[in-house]
Structure formats: structure tokens, C-alpha cells
Amino acid sequence: MSTEPSTDLDTFENPYPSRDYLIEMDCPEFTTVCPKTGQPDFGKIKISYVPDQKCIELKSLKLYLWSFRNRGIFHEAVTNFILEDLVAICEPRRMTVVGDYNVRGGISTIVSVEYDQTNVRSK
């Protein structure tokens, strides 16, 4: 059993690739560091997606989210970063990542980012 954070994400083959179905994952113990103050930021990450050919393996997701624990990064950046990494690894049909961060200085922050395979522009 790994006791170290990791940025390696794993997937497995979707057992029902011909069907649209929603996978929701709640990660209530997300921690990162404020890049301005160096103080810890706590929050919840919620990931919802409709898989295509691959699904996200949960243990690797846990270790991946743990890798942010000592990283100085703004809420907006980390939420977008997580979406980009997850989309790159599993190529879902649709995905939403919501970062719901605890109150700091009297203000709570919720950042929602979305990906839709049908709205991707060709380069």
C-alpha cells in the first residue's frame, strides 16, 4: 500500500462504453497551500463524469489529490489543473470538477469547471 502522494493517474476499461452513465466522486479532505500566505487551504473536490472508453481508478485519484497537499496554488488554478489532468488521462464524454473551498478571511470559494467532448475545437 502506497504511503506517498503521486501524480500518476491510472484508468481501467469502461465495462459499458456503449452506454452513457454518470460517475460521481466526492473527495471531502482536499488540502493545498495558499501561494500568498503559505497557509493551508481545505476544501472538497467533487468530480462528475460520463466515461467513454476509460474510467478513473480511485486509489490513483486519491494519491493524485494528495500530491497537492504541500503545493502553493490558487483555487481557480488547481480546479482547472485537476480537470485538465483527468480529461487527458481518461478522455471522458463529459466531466465537471467542483472545488468547494472552506472559508478564509470571511469568504468561501466555489470553482466549477466543465469539459464536454462535443464542444472541443479542432486545432
Protein backbone atom coordinates (compact mmCIF):
# COMPACT_ATOMS: atom_id res chain seq x y z
CA MET A 1 0.00 0.00 0.00
CA SER A 2 1.42 3.38 -1.01
CA THR A 3 2.00 5.94 1.69
CA GLU A 4 3.27 8.65 -0.64
CA PRO A 5 1.43 11.11 -2.87
CA SER A 6 1.73 10.55 -6.61
CA THR A 7 0.90 12.45 -9.77
CA ASP A 8 0.40 9.18 -11.69
CA LEU A 9 -3.24 8.59 -12.58
CA ASP A 10 -4.47 5.16 -13.64
CA THR A 11 -7.51 4.09 -15.61
CA PHE A 12 -9.33 0.88 -16.43
CA GLU A 13 -11.50 -0.09 -19.38
CA ASN A 14 -15.09 1.12 -19.18
CA PRO A 15 -17.24 -2.01 -18.78
CA TYR A 16 -20.17 -0.30 -20.61
CA PRO A 17 -18.68 2.03 -23.25
CA SER A 18 -21.85 1.96 -25.39
CA ARG A 19 -23.93 3.47 -22.58
CA ASP A 20 -23.91 6.98 -21.09
CA TYR A 21 -23.80 6.79 -17.31
CA LEU A 22 -22.62 9.20 -14.63
CA ILE A 23 -19.79 8.53 -12.19
CA GLU A 24 -19.58 10.89 -9.22
CA MET A 25 -16.67 11.05 -6.79
CA ASP A 26 -16.61 13.17 -3.63
CA CYS A 27 -13.24 13.98 -2.12
CA PRO A 28 -14.05 15.77 1.17
CA GLU A 29 -10.50 16.08 2.52
CA PHE A 30 -8.69 18.07 -0.18
CA THR A 31 -5.81 20.22 1.02
CA THR A 32 -3.47 22.62 -0.72
CA VAL A 33 -1.46 25.70 0.29
CA CYS A 34 -2.24 29.36 -0.35
CA PRO A 35 0.56 30.67 -2.60
CA LYS A 36 0.35 34.12 -0.98
CA THR A 37 0.34 33.24 2.73
CA GLY A 38 1.70 29.70 2.82
CA GLN A 39 -1.27 28.74 5.00
CA PRO A 40 -3.18 25.51 4.33
CA ASP A 41 -6.39 25.67 2.32
CA PHE A 42 -9.01 23.00 2.91
CA GLY A 43 -11.89 22.05 0.71
CA LYS A 44 -13.86 19.41 -1.11
CA ILE A 45 -13.37 18.28 -4.68
CA LYS A 46 -16.35 16.77 -6.50
CA ILE A 47 -15.77 15.04 -9.81
CA SER A 48 -18.66 14.00 -12.07
CA TYR A 49 -18.12 12.44 -15.47
CA VAL A 50 -19.60 10.33 -18.21
CA PRO A 51 -16.85 7.92 -19.28
CA ASP A 52 -16.06 7.00 -22.84
CA GLN A 53 -13.55 4.13 -23.17
CA LYS A 54 -11.79 4.54 -19.78
CA CYS A 55 -12.70 5.07 -16.13
CA ILE A 56 -10.54 6.64 -13.42
CA GLU A 57 -9.05 4.24 -10.88
CA LEU A 58 -9.88 5.51 -7.38
CA LYS A 59 -6.67 4.72 -5.48
CA SER A 60 -4.58 6.60 -8.03
CA LEU A 61 -7.03 9.52 -7.79
CA LYS A 62 -6.62 9.60 -4.01
CA LEU A 63 -2.81 9.68 -4.28
CA TYR A 64 -3.02 12.28 -7.06
CA LEU A 65 -5.19 14.62 -4.97
CA TRP A 66 -2.84 14.07 -2.04
CA SER A 67 0.01 15.41 -4.21
CA PHE A 68 -1.46 18.93 -3.88
CA ARG A 69 -1.19 18.93 -0.07
CA ASN A 70 2.04 20.97 0.07
CA ARG A 71 1.71 22.78 -3.24
CA GLY A 72 1.12 26.53 -3.35
CA ILE A 73 -1.64 27.07 -5.90
CA PHE A 74 -4.75 29.25 -6.18
CA HIS A 75 -8.23 27.64 -6.01
CA GLU A 76 -9.01 28.60 -9.61
CA ALA A 77 -5.77 27.12 -10.90
CA VAL A 78 -5.92 23.84 -9.00
CA THR A 79 -9.53 23.15 -10.00
CA ASN A 80 -8.71 23.72 -13.69
CA PHE A 81 -5.47 21.74 -13.34
CA ILE A 82 -7.36 18.73 -11.94
CA LEU A 83 -9.89 18.86 -14.80
CA GLU A 84 -7.14 19.04 -17.44
CA ASP A 85 -5.23 16.09 -15.95
CA LEU A 86 -8.33 13.91 -15.60
CA VAL A 87 -9.56 14.69 -19.12
CA ALA A 88 -6.10 13.90 -20.52
CA ILE A 89 -5.94 10.52 -18.79
CA CYS A 90 -9.47 9.19 -19.37
CA GLU A 91 -10.90 11.22 -22.31
CA PRO A 92 -14.47 11.32 -20.93
CA ARG A 93 -17.55 12.33 -22.87
CA ARG A 94 -18.29 14.98 -20.23
CA MET A 95 -16.71 15.99 -16.95
CA THR A 96 -17.27 18.58 -14.23
CA VAL A 97 -14.87 19.32 -11.38
CA VAL A 98 -16.09 21.45 -8.49
CA GLY A 99 -13.72 22.80 -5.86
CA ASP A 100 -15.66 23.90 -2.77
CA TYR A 101 -13.09 25.61 -0.55
CA ASN A 102 -13.52 26.44 3.13
CA VAL A 103 -13.85 29.98 4.42
CA ARG A 104 -10.64 32.05 4.50
CA GLY A 105 -10.80 35.68 5.53
CA GLY A 106 -14.59 35.52 5.70
CA ILE A 107 -15.00 34.35 2.08
CA SER A 108 -15.67 30.87 0.78
CA THR A 109 -14.89 29.97 -2.81
CA ILE A 110 -16.55 27.52 -5.17
CA VAL A 111 -14.88 26.95 -8.55
CA SER A 112 -16.67 24.83 -11.19
CA VAL A 113 -15.04 23.81 -14.46
CA GLU A 114 -16.52 21.70 -17.24
CA TYR A 115 -15.42 19.69 -20.23
CA ASP A 116 -17.70 18.40 -22.99
CA GLN A 117 -16.21 16.21 -25.71
CA THR A 118 -18.72 17.54 -28.25
CA ASN A 119 -17.59 21.15 -27.70
CA VAL A 120 -13.87 20.57 -28.19
CA ARG A 121 -12.45 22.64 -31.01
CA SER A 122 -10.10 21.07 -33.52
CA LYS A 123 -6.64 22.64 -33.68
